[in-house]
Amino acid sequence: MSVRRDRRNKAIFLSQRAYVEKVLREFDMWESKPVTTPLSTSKFQPVPDEYKASETTKLWYAKAIGSLMYAMLDTRPDIAFAVSLCSRYLGNPTNEHIQAVKRIMRYLRGTIDLELVFSGPLRPLVGYTDSDWAGDHDTRRSTAGYVFNVGTGAISWSSKRQPTVALSSCEAEYMGQTQCTKEAIWLRGLLRELLAQYKHGDLQTTILYGDNQGAIAMAKNPQFHARTKHIDLQWHYVRERVSDGDVELQYVPTEQQIADGLTKPLPKDRFIMFRNALGLSNP
């Protein structure tokens, strides 16, 4: 990882250009034609029951996913959903999945110079949480995503398929809020450890922004028993943290929902807005 500092403007720039170039050359994608988004907006076709990928194919695919995941976890949240989606097919990848992985590499080829930028004064920790509904056509599970900022750049992000089927979009968002809340509590503890001004509990309530009014109401109001009694107890963790004042859920329109790009493929214009909101920019 490369760390570049601009002391005059109090900014830090993180990038993995050298690593990404190494990966692209290793997979013979350095000379490939760049694309503007890491994932097509069309869905994958179902894998035929009789299809069995060769061991060579599975080995190539696993190595490629692992290489991309290292970049995604460190400085490239913009490919988080694409890598998460492709990783679901590690056990039996088809040519369509291989082409999707190569598309991520083509996207990285065109955006290899992007840096994650942190600048200006420290701002309060803010989170964004979102979920699609039954977007995985193989399992009908939903994908939840979250991202946290403390200023201009993202410091934590996730795009992950939920472990159980949600019976409504409201339920999927509610489950996603719980995962986001768990990360918020961990980050609050980390800030207290690292920053002296927070050691004595002077850390204000963390705002989590969601775009589903029903899910926000479920988290704030424990009386929604008829709609939530079937949900596993672990997902009600968010209610406790809201009640304790650690987090507060607030509504944000979908157009301003930064985590939207962590749950579904976006068209070019919306994807660029998503990427900019993460704090990624060219030097």
Protein backbone atom coordinates (compact mmCIF):
# COMPACT_ATOMS: atom_id res chain seq x y z
CA MET A 1 0.00 0.00 0.00
CA SER A 2 1.18 3.49 -0.86
CA VAL A 3 0.65 6.32 1.64
CA ARG A 4 1.06 9.87 0.35
CA ARG A 5 0.87 12.89 2.64
CA ASP A 6 0.08 16.52 1.89
CA ARG A 7 1.04 18.31 5.09
CA ARG A 8 0.06 21.75 3.84
CA ASN A 9 -3.53 20.70 3.13
CA LYS A 10 -3.65 18.14 5.96
CA ALA A 11 -4.50 15.26 3.65
CA ILE A 12 -3.53 11.60 3.37
CA PHE A 13 -3.87 9.56 0.18
CA LEU A 14 -3.94 5.74 0.18
CA SER A 15 -3.56 3.63 -2.95
CA GLN A 16 -2.46 0.20 -4.17
CA ARG A 17 -1.34 1.04 -7.68
CA ALA A 18 1.72 -1.21 -7.62
CA TYR A 19 -0.27 -4.15 -6.26
CA VAL A 20 -3.08 -3.74 -8.79
CA GLU A 21 -0.57 -3.56 -11.65
CA LYS A 22 1.08 -6.75 -10.38
CA VAL A 23 -2.28 -8.55 -10.30
CA LEU A 24 -3.28 -7.38 -13.77
CA ARG A 25 0.04 -8.49 -15.26
CA GLU A 26 -0.17 -11.84 -13.48
CA PHE A 27 -3.59 -12.51 -15.04
CA ASP A 28 -2.62 -11.10 -18.46
CA MET A 29 -5.07 -8.20 -18.11
CA TRP A 30 -2.62 -5.29 -18.20
CA GLU A 31 -3.25 -4.65 -21.90
CA SER A 32 -7.02 -5.13 -21.61
CA LYS A 33 -9.54 -2.49 -22.63
CA PRO A 34 -10.75 -0.50 -19.59
CA VAL A 35 -14.42 -0.23 -18.62
CA THR A 36 -16.14 2.43 -16.51
CA THR A 37 -17.95 0.15 -14.03
CA PRO A 38 -16.79 -3.09 -12.40
CA LEU A 39 -20.02 -4.98 -13.03
CA SER A 40 -22.70 -5.19 -15.69
CA THR A 41 -26.22 -4.29 -14.59
CA SER A 42 -27.56 -7.56 -16.05
CA LYS A 43 -27.93 -10.55 -13.73
CA PHE A 44 -26.02 -13.83 -13.96
CA GLN A 45 -27.75 -16.74 -15.64
CA PRO A 46 -28.55 -19.76 -13.43
CA VAL A 47 -25.83 -22.42 -13.40
CA PRO A 48 -27.10 -25.60 -15.11
CA ASP A 49 -27.41 -28.56 -12.75
CA GLU A 50 -25.21 -30.71 -14.97
CA TYR A 51 -22.39 -28.15 -15.24
CA LYS A 52 -19.15 -28.95 -13.42
CA ALA A 53 -16.18 -26.59 -13.62
CA SER A 54 -12.74 -28.12 -14.08
CA GLU A 55 -10.22 -28.02 -11.26
CA THR A 56 -8.02 -25.73 -13.35
CA THR A 57 -10.90 -23.30 -13.78
CA LYS A 58 -11.76 -23.35 -10.09
CA LEU A 59 -8.12 -22.77 -9.15
CA TRP A 60 -7.79 -19.80 -11.52
CA TYR A 61 -11.05 -18.34 -10.28
CA ALA A 62 -10.18 -18.69 -6.59
CA LYS A 63 -6.77 -17.10 -7.14
CA ALA A 64 -8.32 -14.19 -9.04
CA ILE A 65 -10.99 -13.57 -6.38
CA GLY A 66 -8.40 -13.69 -3.61
CA SER A 67 -6.19 -11.19 -5.42
CA LEU A 68 -9.09 -8.79 -5.99
CA MET A 69 -10.32 -9.16 -2.44
CA TYR A 70 -6.99 -7.94 -1.02
CA ALA A 71 -7.35 -4.67 -2.95
CA MET A 72 -11.03 -4.38 -2.07
CA LEU A 73 -10.47 -4.77 1.66
CA ASP A 74 -7.71 -2.15 1.85
CA THR A 75 -8.34 0.78 -0.49
CA ARG A 76 -10.97 -0.11 -3.11
CA PRO A 77 -14.48 -0.17 -1.64
CA ASP A 78 -15.79 0.61 -5.13
CA ILE A 79 -15.33 -3.05 -6.15
CA ALA A 80 -16.75 -4.52 -2.92
CA PHE A 81 -20.12 -5.58 -4.34
CA ALA A 82 -18.64 -6.95 -7.57
CA VAL A 83 -16.07 -9.07 -5.71
CA SER A 84 -18.66 -10.24 -3.17
CA LEU A 85 -21.05 -11.29 -5.94
CA CYS A 86 -18.41 -13.17 -7.93
CA SER A 87 -17.09 -14.92 -4.81
CA ARG A 88 -20.42 -16.74 -4.43
CA TYR A 89 -19.49 -18.95 -7.37
CA LEU A 90 -16.09 -20.15 -6.17
CA GLY A 91 -17.29 -23.76 -6.01
CA ASN A 92 -18.47 -23.97 -9.61
CA PRO A 93 -17.65 -20.91 -11.76
CA THR A 94 -18.94 -20.71 -15.32
CA ASN A 95 -17.47 -18.74 -18.22
CA GLU A 96 -19.95 -15.95 -17.41
CA HIS A 97 -18.48 -15.65 -13.92
CA ILE A 98 -14.93 -15.70 -15.28
CA GLN A 99 -15.79 -12.87 -17.67
CA ALA A 100 -17.28 -10.92 -14.75
CA VAL A 101 -14.01 -11.28 -12.81
CA LYS A 102 -12.07 -10.12 -15.86
CA ARG A 103 -14.40 -7.13 -16.12
CA ILE A 104 -13.45 -6.13 -12.57
CA MET A 105 -9.82 -6.28 -13.66
CA ARG A 106 -10.58 -4.17 -16.72
CA TYR A 107 -12.25 -1.63 -14.46
CA LEU A 108 -9.17 -1.59 -12.22
CA ARG A 109 -6.98 -1.08 -15.29
CA GLY A 110 -8.85 2.12 -16.09
CA THR A 111 -8.93 3.35 -12.49
CA ILE A 112 -5.54 2.14 -11.29
CA ASP A 113 -4.53 5.61 -10.05
CA LEU A 114 -7.53 6.11 -7.76
CA GLU A 115 -6.64 7.07 -4.19
CA LEU A 116 -8.67 6.94 -0.99
CA VAL A 117 -8.50 10.49 0.34
CA PHE A 118 -8.71 11.65 3.96
CA SER A 119 -8.52 15.40 4.47
CA GLY A 120 -9.73 18.25 6.64
CA PRO A 121 -10.67 18.13 10.33
CA LEU A 122 -11.89 14.96 12.03
CA ARG A 123 -15.67 14.72 11.77
CA PRO A 124 -18.17 12.58 13.69
CA LEU A 125 -18.44 8.93 12.71
CA VAL A 126 -21.33 8.47 10.25
CA GLY A 127 -22.67 5.26 8.75
CA TYR A 128 -24.86 4.38 5.77
CA THR A 129 -26.76 1.09 5.62
CA ASP A 130 -28.68 -0.42 2.72
CA SER A 131 -30.03 -3.72 1.46
CA ASP A 132 -31.64 -5.06 -1.68
CA TRP A 133 -34.41 -7.65 -1.38
CA ALA A 134 -34.04 -11.24 -2.58
CA GLY A 135 -31.48 -10.13 -5.12
CA ASP A 136 -29.68 -13.49 -5.15
CA HIS A 137 -31.79 -15.56 -7.54
CA ASP A 138 -30.13 -18.81 -6.50
CA THR A 139 -31.03 -18.56 -2.81
CA ARG A 140 -33.48 -15.60 -2.75
CA ARG A 141 -31.39 -14.06 0.01
CA SER A 142 -30.75 -10.33 0.18
CA THR A 143 -27.45 -8.44 0.05
CA ALA A 144 -26.68 -5.92 2.78
CA GLY A 145 -24.03 -3.24 2.64
CA TYR A 146 -22.71 -0.51 4.87
CA VAL A 147 -20.03 2.16 4.81
CA PHE A 148 -18.63 4.45 7.51
CA ASN A 149 -16.94 7.83 7.11
CA VAL A 150 -15.16 10.10 9.56
CA GLY A 151 -14.62 12.86 7.02
CA THR A 152 -13.94 12.74 3.31
CA GLY A 153 -13.03 9.05 3.02
CA ALA A 154 -14.52 5.67 3.89
CA ILE A 155 -12.86 3.85 6.80
CA SER A 156 -15.00 0.70 6.91
CA TRP A 157 -17.27 -1.00 4.38
CA SER A 158 -18.99 -4.30 3.72
CA SER A 159 -21.06 -6.00 1.04
CA LYS A 160 -22.36 -9.39 2.09
CA ARG A 161 -25.22 -11.76 1.32
CA GLN A 162 -27.47 -12.19 4.35
CA PRO A 163 -27.50 -15.63 6.02
CA THR A 164 -31.29 -16.06 5.91
CA VAL A 165 -34.16 -15.20 3.58
CA ALA A 166 -35.98 -11.95 4.37
CA LEU A 167 -39.76 -11.98 3.92
CA SER A 168 -39.95 -8.32 2.90
CA SER A 169 -37.71 -5.45 1.85
CA CYS A 170 -38.37 -3.88 5.25
CA GLU A 171 -37.08 -7.01 6.99
CA ALA A 172 -34.00 -7.17 4.76
CA GLU A 173 -33.17 -3.54 5.58
CA TYR A 174 -33.76 -4.17 9.29
CA MET A 175 -31.32 -7.09 9.28
CA GLY A 176 -28.82 -4.94 7.41
CA GLN A 177 -29.18 -2.21 10.03
CA THR A 178 -28.16 -4.69 12.71
CA GLN A 179 -24.94 -5.59 10.90
CA CYS A 180 -24.19 -1.90 10.44
CA THR A 181 -24.87 -1.25 14.14
CA LYS A 182 -22.44 -3.98 15.20
CA GLU A 183 -19.71 -2.36 13.13
CA ALA A 184 -20.61 1.07 14.53
CA ILE A 185 -20.15 -0.17 18.10
CA TRP A 186 -16.74 -1.65 17.22
CA LEU A 187 -15.61 1.57 15.51
CA ARG A 188 -16.76 3.65 18.47
CA GLY A 189 -14.58 1.51 20.73
CA LEU A 190 -11.65 1.93 18.34
CA LEU A 191 -12.03 5.71 18.32
CA ARG A 192 -12.00 5.74 22.12
CA GLU A 193 -8.76 3.76 22.08
CA LEU A 194 -7.03 5.93 19.51
CA LEU A 195 -8.23 9.45 20.28
CA ALA A 196 -7.71 11.11 23.64
CA GLN A 197 -10.79 13.32 23.38
CA TYR A 198 -13.03 10.23 23.34
CA LYS A 199 -11.43 8.24 26.17
CA HIS A 200 -13.81 9.58 28.82
CA GLY A 201 -17.01 8.89 26.93
CA ASP A 202 -17.33 12.17 25.02
CA LEU A 203 -18.32 10.33 21.85
CA GLN A 204 -21.63 11.54 20.48
CA THR A 205 -24.35 9.24 19.17
CA THR A 206 -23.41 7.72 15.82
CA ILE A 207 -25.89 8.51 13.05
CA LEU A 208 -26.77 5.63 10.72
CA TYR A 209 -28.57 6.61 7.52
CA GLY A 210 -31.06 4.24 5.90
CA ASP A 211 -33.54 4.67 3.06
CA ASN A 212 -36.35 2.44 4.35
CA GLN A 213 -38.79 4.20 6.68
CA GLY A 214 -40.37 0.95 7.84
CA ALA A 215 -37.06 -0.59 8.90
CA ILE A 216 -36.13 2.56 10.81
CA ALA A 217 -39.48 2.46 12.62
CA MET A 218 -38.95 -1.21 13.52
CA ALA A 219 -35.61 -0.37 15.11
CA LYS A 220 -36.99 2.56 17.08
CA ASN A 221 -40.29 1.05 18.21
CA PRO A 222 -40.24 -2.31 20.06
CA GLN A 223 -44.04 -2.47 19.80
CA PHE A 224 -43.84 -3.69 16.18
CA HIS A 225 -44.29 -7.21 17.54
CA ALA A 226 -46.58 -8.64 14.88
CA ARG A 227 -44.15 -7.69 12.11
CA THR A 228 -40.95 -8.77 13.83
CA LYS A 229 -41.67 -11.68 16.18
CA HIS A 230 -40.54 -14.22 13.57
CA ILE A 231 -37.14 -12.52 13.13
CA ASP A 232 -34.25 -14.22 14.90
CA LEU A 233 -33.31 -12.58 18.20
CA GLN A 234 -29.83 -11.59 17.00
CA TRP A 235 -31.31 -9.07 14.58
CA HIS A 236 -32.98 -7.13 17.42
CA TYR A 237 -29.54 -6.03 18.66
CA VAL A 238 -30.05 -2.72 16.85
CA ARG A 239 -33.06 -1.90 19.04
CA GLU A 240 -30.99 -2.20 22.18
CA ARG A 241 -28.26 0.06 20.85
CA VAL A 242 -30.77 2.66 19.70
CA SER A 243 -32.37 2.56 23.15
CA ASP A 244 -28.95 2.99 24.81
CA GLY A 245 -28.19 6.05 22.69
CA ASP A 246 -25.13 4.57 20.98
CA VAL A 247 -26.65 4.88 17.51
CA GLU A 248 -29.51 6.79 15.94
CA LEU A 249 -31.21 5.81 12.70
CA GLN A 250 -32.17 8.58 10.32
CA TYR A 251 -33.81 8.53 6.91
CA VAL A 252 -31.95 9.51 3.76
CA PRO A 253 -33.40 9.46 0.20
CA THR A 254 -32.17 6.63 -2.00
CA GLU A 255 -30.43 9.13 -4.28
CA GLN A 256 -28.21 10.13 -1.34
CA GLN A 257 -27.69 6.61 -0.01
CA ILE A 258 -23.94 5.98 -0.29
CA ALA A 259 -24.29 2.27 0.53
CA ASP A 260 -26.53 1.69 -2.51
CA GLY A 261 -23.52 0.68 -4.60
CA LEU A 262 -22.66 -2.03 -2.07
CA THR A 263 -25.90 -3.95 -2.66
CA LYS A 264 -26.49 -3.85 -6.40
CA PRO A 265 -24.78 -3.00 -9.72
CA LEU A 266 -25.25 0.63 -10.70
CA PRO A 267 -25.30 2.35 -14.10
CA LYS A 268 -22.31 4.51 -14.96
CA ASP A 269 -23.55 7.91 -13.73
CA ARG A 270 -24.80 6.63 -10.38
CA PHE A 271 -21.71 4.49 -9.92
CA ILE A 272 -19.40 7.47 -10.34
CA MET A 273 -21.43 9.38 -7.74
CA PHE A 274 -21.13 6.38 -5.41
CA ARG A 275 -17.38 6.17 -5.95
CA ASN A 276 -16.88 9.87 -5.30
CA ALA A 277 -18.90 9.64 -2.08
CA LEU A 278 -16.52 6.94 -0.85
CA GLY A 279 -13.64 9.42 -1.07
CA LEU A 280 -11.94 7.87 -4.10
CA SER A 281 -10.37 10.30 -6.56
CA ASN A 282 -7.54 10.60 -9.06
CA PRO A 283 -4.32 12.36 -7.95
